[in-house]
Amino acid sequence: MSLEVGQMAPDFEAKIETGETIKLSDYRGKKVVLYFYPKDATPGCTAQACNLRDNYDALLKAGYVVLGISSDDEKSHKKFIEKQNLPFPLIADTDLKVHEAYGTWVEKSMYGRKYMGTARTTFVIDEEGKIAEVIEKVDTKNHTAQILK
């Protein structure tokens, strides 16, 4: 299932790195950057997270809440946040329910080997919970600029 601009973003309930449960609907009334990334502490994912961290004030000023999400568990997220000093929560989607709802758990291929993994995708969600933008070609080093353009 691929989500399109104008559709309601699927609501979900999931745990963040602290073990606390959040829901997307908790953020109604705010603009949300929901970014799916493959794996904590890998080069591309670190570059992307650090770009969002380094430009976090600009995102806040523009009215955005940032939520990262991967299939890693809370413990992995907690270490990643601490090591990179990330100011936003990371969602642990270990059962892949949120990935599946957003169509980001896909077949990938590396060196001819096929496997399932996360499609690096960012959904910008408006105050009413509708998808305002889908960024599929994420520039990990300049991601904030893609969001704020």
Protein backbone atom coordinates (compact mmCIF):
# COMPACT_ATOMS: atom_id res chain seq x y z
CA MET A 1 0.00 0.00 0.00
CA SER A 2 1.44 3.36 -0.89
CA LEU A 3 0.21 6.44 0.88
CA GLU A 4 -0.34 9.65 -1.02
CA VAL A 5 -0.49 13.34 -0.27
CA GLY A 6 -3.93 14.29 1.04
CA GLN A 7 -4.66 10.91 2.64
CA MET A 8 -5.03 10.60 6.40
CA ALA A 9 -1.80 9.34 7.94
CA PRO A 10 -2.45 5.96 9.59
CA ASP A 11 -2.65 6.40 13.35
CA PHE A 12 -0.50 4.09 15.42
CA GLU A 13 0.52 3.33 18.97
CA ALA A 14 4.14 2.37 19.62
CA LYS A 15 6.91 2.57 22.20
CA ILE A 16 9.72 5.10 22.11
CA GLU A 17 13.23 4.70 23.55
CA THR A 18 12.06 5.49 27.12
CA GLY A 19 9.53 2.64 27.04
CA GLU A 20 6.69 5.18 26.97
CA THR A 21 3.88 4.54 24.48
CA ILE A 22 2.93 7.32 22.06
CA LYS A 23 0.23 7.65 19.41
CA LEU A 24 0.42 9.68 16.24
CA SER A 25 -2.96 11.18 17.15
CA ASP A 26 -1.30 12.67 20.29
CA TYR A 27 0.32 15.15 17.91
CA ARG A 28 -2.89 16.42 16.23
CA GLY A 29 -2.65 20.18 15.92
CA LYS A 30 1.07 20.00 15.16
CA LYS A 31 3.00 19.31 11.98
CA VAL A 32 4.88 16.02 12.22
CA VAL A 33 8.00 14.82 10.44
CA LEU A 34 7.75 11.01 10.63
CA TYR A 35 10.94 9.60 9.18
CA PHE A 36 11.54 5.90 8.58
CA TYR A 37 15.18 4.80 8.54
CA PRO A 38 16.82 1.36 8.30
CA LYS A 39 19.12 0.98 11.32
CA ASP A 40 20.51 2.84 14.33
CA ALA A 41 24.19 3.82 14.27
CA THR A 42 24.83 3.10 10.57
CA PRO A 43 26.52 5.80 8.44
CA GLY A 44 23.52 6.98 6.40
CA CYS A 45 21.10 6.82 9.32
CA THR A 46 23.54 8.68 11.57
CA ALA A 47 24.04 11.38 8.92
CA GLN A 48 20.28 11.79 8.58
CA ALA A 49 19.65 11.92 12.35
CA CYS A 50 22.51 14.39 12.88
CA ASN A 51 21.23 16.64 10.07
CA LEU A 52 17.82 16.75 11.77
CA ARG A 53 19.53 17.33 15.15
CA ASP A 54 21.72 20.14 13.85
CA ASN A 55 18.70 21.90 12.31
CA TYR A 56 16.22 21.00 15.05
CA ASP A 57 15.64 24.63 16.08
CA ALA A 58 14.67 25.56 12.51
CA LEU A 59 12.23 22.63 12.41
CA LEU A 60 10.72 23.65 15.76
CA LYS A 61 10.46 27.27 14.60
CA ALA A 62 8.57 26.04 11.52
CA GLY A 63 6.18 24.19 13.85
CA TYR A 64 7.37 20.62 13.33
CA VAL A 65 7.62 17.71 15.74
CA VAL A 66 10.24 15.14 14.66
CA LEU A 67 9.71 11.40 15.17
CA GLY A 68 12.20 8.83 13.89
CA ILE A 69 11.17 5.21 13.44
CA SER A 70 12.99 1.97 12.67
CA SER A 71 12.66 -1.71 13.47
CA ASP A 72 15.35 -1.42 16.19
CA ASP A 73 14.30 -1.92 19.81
CA GLU A 74 14.09 0.70 22.59
CA LYS A 75 17.53 -0.20 24.00
CA SER A 76 19.20 0.36 20.62
CA HIS A 77 17.32 3.66 20.18
CA LYS A 78 18.34 4.84 23.64
CA LYS A 79 22.05 4.21 22.89
CA PHE A 80 21.75 5.93 19.49
CA ILE A 81 20.05 8.99 21.03
CA GLU A 82 22.65 9.24 23.80
CA LYS A 83 25.63 8.79 21.48
CA GLN A 84 24.38 11.32 18.90
CA ASN A 85 22.67 13.66 21.40
CA LEU A 86 19.38 13.53 19.50
CA PRO A 87 16.66 15.90 20.80
CA PHE A 88 13.71 13.92 19.40
CA PRO A 89 12.19 10.51 20.19
CA LEU A 90 12.79 7.34 18.21
CA ILE A 91 9.98 4.83 17.80
CA ALA A 92 10.72 1.11 18.18
CA ASP A 93 8.63 -0.69 15.55
CA THR A 94 9.96 -4.17 16.25
CA ASP A 95 6.74 -5.86 15.10
CA LEU A 96 6.77 -3.78 11.86
CA LYS A 97 3.10 -2.79 12.20
CA VAL A 98 3.80 0.90 11.57
CA HIS A 99 6.17 0.10 8.70
CA GLU A 100 3.47 -2.02 7.08
CA ALA A 101 0.78 0.65 7.60
CA TYR A 102 3.01 3.20 5.83
CA GLY A 103 4.28 0.84 3.13
CA THR A 104 7.92 1.21 4.16
CA TRP A 105 8.73 -2.47 4.79
CA VAL A 106 9.81 -3.53 1.32
CA GLU A 107 11.84 -6.06 -0.61
CA LYS A 108 15.36 -4.78 -1.21
CA SER A 109 18.29 -6.16 -3.13
CA MET A 110 22.03 -6.02 -2.45
CA TYR A 111 24.62 -7.85 -4.51
CA GLY A 112 21.82 -9.85 -6.10
CA ARG A 113 20.51 -11.04 -2.74
CA LYS A 114 16.91 -10.15 -1.95
CA TYR A 115 15.81 -9.33 1.60
CA MET A 116 13.18 -7.32 3.46
CA GLY A 117 14.07 -3.95 4.92
CA THR A 118 13.04 -0.37 5.56
CA ALA A 119 12.59 2.00 2.64
CA ARG A 120 14.09 5.28 3.87
CA THR A 121 11.04 7.53 3.58
CA THR A 122 9.80 10.66 5.33
CA PHE A 123 6.16 11.59 5.74
CA VAL A 124 5.34 15.20 6.53
CA ILE A 125 1.95 15.20 8.26
CA ASP A 126 -0.15 18.34 8.70
CA GLU A 127 -1.99 19.55 11.80
CA GLU A 128 -5.13 17.63 10.83
CA GLY A 129 -3.28 14.32 10.46
CA LYS A 130 -3.18 14.35 6.66
CA ILE A 131 -0.07 13.55 4.64
CA ALA A 132 1.25 16.85 3.29
CA GLU A 133 4.36 15.42 1.62
CA VAL A 134 6.12 12.10 1.03
CA ILE A 135 9.91 12.27 0.59
CA GLU A 136 11.17 9.02 -0.93
CA LYS A 137 14.53 10.20 -2.24
CA VAL A 138 15.96 11.26 1.10
CA ASP A 139 19.22 13.21 1.05
CA THR A 140 20.61 12.08 4.42
CA LYS A 141 23.06 14.98 4.69
CA ASN A 142 20.53 17.69 3.71
CA HIS A 143 17.26 16.21 4.91
CA THR A 144 16.09 19.29 6.83
CA ALA A 145 16.36 21.39 3.66
CA GLN A 146 14.14 18.85 1.86
CA ILE A 147 11.53 19.16 4.61
CA LEU A 148 11.59 22.96 4.88
CA LYS A 149 11.70 23.73 1.14
